[in-house]
Protein backbone atom coordinates (compact mmCIF):
# COMPACT_ATOMS: atom_id res chain seq x y z
CA MET A 1 -34.93 56.51 -69.14
CA ALA A 2 -32.60 56.72 -71.86
CA ALA A 3 -33.42 57.61 -75.31
CA THR A 4 -33.97 54.44 -77.42
CA PHE A 5 -34.49 53.45 -81.23
CA LYS A 6 -36.46 50.14 -82.67
CA PHE A 7 -33.92 47.62 -83.39
CA GLU A 8 -34.98 44.77 -85.49
CA LEU A 9 -33.09 41.77 -87.03
CA VAL A 10 -34.63 40.02 -89.81
CA SER A 11 -33.68 36.77 -91.61
CA PRO A 12 -35.44 35.74 -95.02
CA GLU A 13 -37.49 33.27 -92.78
CA ARG A 14 -38.58 35.67 -89.87
CA VAL A 15 -38.05 38.57 -87.44
CA LEU A 16 -35.11 37.06 -85.12
CA LEU A 17 -35.10 40.02 -82.77
CA SER A 18 -37.38 43.32 -82.24
CA VAL A 19 -36.43 45.71 -79.17
CA ASN A 20 -36.06 48.92 -77.98
CA ALA A 21 -32.21 49.51 -78.05
CA GLU A 22 -29.99 52.52 -76.58
CA GLN A 23 -27.13 51.37 -78.76
CA ALA A 24 -25.77 49.12 -81.46
CA VAL A 25 -22.48 48.53 -82.81
CA VAL A 26 -22.74 47.30 -86.24
CA PRO A 27 -20.09 45.40 -88.51
CA GLY A 28 -20.42 47.47 -91.71
CA ALA A 29 -18.62 46.62 -94.77
CA ASP A 30 -16.79 49.95 -94.89
CA GLY A 31 -16.09 49.72 -91.09
CA GLU A 32 -17.74 49.28 -88.00
CA PHE A 33 -20.25 52.17 -86.75
CA THR A 34 -22.18 53.03 -83.65
CA MET A 35 -26.03 53.62 -83.92
CA LEU A 36 -27.44 55.94 -81.20
CA PRO A 37 -31.05 57.40 -81.29
CA GLY A 38 -30.98 60.34 -83.93
CA HIS A 39 -28.54 58.80 -85.95
CA SER A 40 -28.47 60.15 -89.61
CA PRO A 41 -29.92 57.93 -92.24
CA VAL A 42 -27.58 55.26 -93.61
CA ILE A 43 -28.02 51.96 -95.91
CA ALA A 44 -24.90 49.74 -95.78
CA THR A 45 -23.58 46.25 -96.56
CA LEU A 46 -22.70 44.13 -93.47
CA ARG A 47 -19.50 42.44 -93.24
CA PRO A 48 -19.39 39.09 -91.17
CA GLY A 49 -18.94 39.86 -87.61
CA VAL A 50 -20.63 40.56 -84.21
CA LEU A 51 -23.43 43.02 -83.76
CA ASP A 52 -23.41 44.26 -80.44
CA VAL A 53 -26.93 45.41 -78.95
CA MET A 54 -27.54 47.21 -75.88
CA SER A 55 -31.32 47.14 -74.63
CA GLN A 56 -32.35 47.77 -71.29
CA GLY A 57 -28.75 47.82 -69.90
CA LEU A 58 -28.17 44.38 -71.09
CA ARG A 59 -25.92 43.33 -74.08
CA LYS A 60 -26.77 41.11 -76.88
CA ARG A 61 -24.17 39.87 -79.33
CA LEU A 62 -25.26 38.43 -82.57
CA PHE A 63 -23.03 36.93 -85.35
CA VAL A 64 -24.08 37.93 -88.66
CA LYS A 65 -22.49 36.35 -91.90
CA SER A 66 -23.63 38.93 -94.39
CA GLY A 67 -26.80 41.11 -95.37
CA PHE A 68 -27.71 44.90 -95.24
CA VAL A 69 -28.46 47.45 -92.69
CA GLU A 70 -30.93 50.61 -92.86
CA VAL A 71 -30.78 53.39 -90.40
CA ASP A 72 -32.88 56.43 -89.79
CA PRO A 73 -33.08 58.53 -86.76
CA THR A 74 -35.73 56.28 -84.74
CA ARG A 75 -34.94 52.66 -86.28
CA LEU A 76 -32.22 50.37 -87.28
CA THR A 77 -33.29 47.31 -89.30
CA VAL A 78 -30.81 44.47 -89.96
CA LEU A 79 -31.36 42.35 -93.01
CA ALA A 80 -29.11 39.36 -92.45
CA GLU A 81 -28.55 36.15 -94.52
CA LYS A 82 -28.04 34.16 -91.32
CA ALA A 83 -27.44 35.29 -87.86
CA PHE A 84 -26.48 33.43 -84.62
CA ASP A 85 -26.76 34.74 -81.11
CA VAL A 86 -23.12 34.13 -80.03
CA ASP A 87 -23.96 32.83 -76.44
CA ASP A 88 -25.50 29.89 -78.39
CA MET A 89 -22.81 29.26 -80.87
CA THR A 90 -21.57 25.90 -79.80
CA PRO A 91 -18.08 24.54 -80.52
CA ALA A 92 -19.63 22.13 -82.97
CA LEU A 93 -21.79 25.01 -84.74
CA LEU A 94 -18.51 26.87 -84.94
CA ALA A 95 -16.56 24.02 -86.59
CA ASP A 96 -19.59 23.51 -88.93
CA GLU A 97 -19.70 27.21 -89.98
CA ILE A 98 -15.63 27.57 -90.37
CA LYS A 99 -15.54 24.40 -92.50
CA SER A 100 -18.60 25.96 -94.95
CA ALA A 101 -16.90 29.33 -94.91
CA GLU A 102 -13.42 27.61 -96.01
CA ALA A 103 -15.27 25.74 -98.68
CA ASP A 104 -16.70 29.13 -99.83
CA LEU A 105 -13.21 30.50 -99.55
CA ALA A 106 -11.92 27.71 -102.04
CA ASN A 107 -14.62 28.44 -104.62
CA ALA A 108 -14.55 32.05 -104.36
CA LYS A 109 -14.63 33.57 -108.04
CA ASP A 110 -13.62 36.93 -107.79
CA ASP A 111 -11.95 39.42 -105.25
CA ASP A 112 -15.14 40.70 -103.58
CA ALA A 113 -16.18 36.98 -102.92
CA THR A 114 -12.71 36.08 -101.84
CA SER A 115 -12.64 39.16 -99.41
CA MET A 116 -16.15 38.25 -97.83
CA ALA A 117 -15.25 34.46 -97.36
CA ASN A 118 -11.69 35.37 -95.67
CA THR A 119 -13.22 37.99 -93.40
CA LEU A 120 -15.82 35.13 -92.38
CA VAL A 121 -13.55 32.49 -91.77
CA SER A 122 -11.38 34.97 -89.64
CA GLU A 123 -14.20 36.10 -87.58
CA LEU A 124 -15.47 32.52 -86.96
CA LYS A 125 -12.16 31.14 -85.96
CA ARG A 126 -11.86 34.36 -83.69
CA LEU A 127 -15.19 33.34 -81.94
CA SER A 128 -14.01 29.69 -82.02
CA ASN A 129 -10.73 30.54 -80.33
CA ARG A 130 -12.69 32.69 -77.33
CA ALA A 131 -15.10 29.97 -76.94
CA ALA A 132 -12.15 27.30 -76.43
């Protein structure tokens, strides 16, 4: 059996996913990184993007809007403002999220907010184009 670590995706309301995982690819604000068992401790900010989790040979793709990630050698905890299972994202949901993200971009007050909103719009449009 492959070595695993505990993966938890948590929203403000509840635990969205809790599994033993072999690998996760995380969209960190400073770049994507891959978590494997035994990873060095890290605390990072998430950027909008797809979080890939491999558990029992199955791939789970989750879209996260923003949040934080905490890594230690035996655990990966993702604290996400909002997360969606990519397979469950309908064209209507994607259109609503793009509209909301574009409004956030138009109302951004500083460079960080502009960058985050721009990334969110781009990532949502990329998912939307793949779904079409």
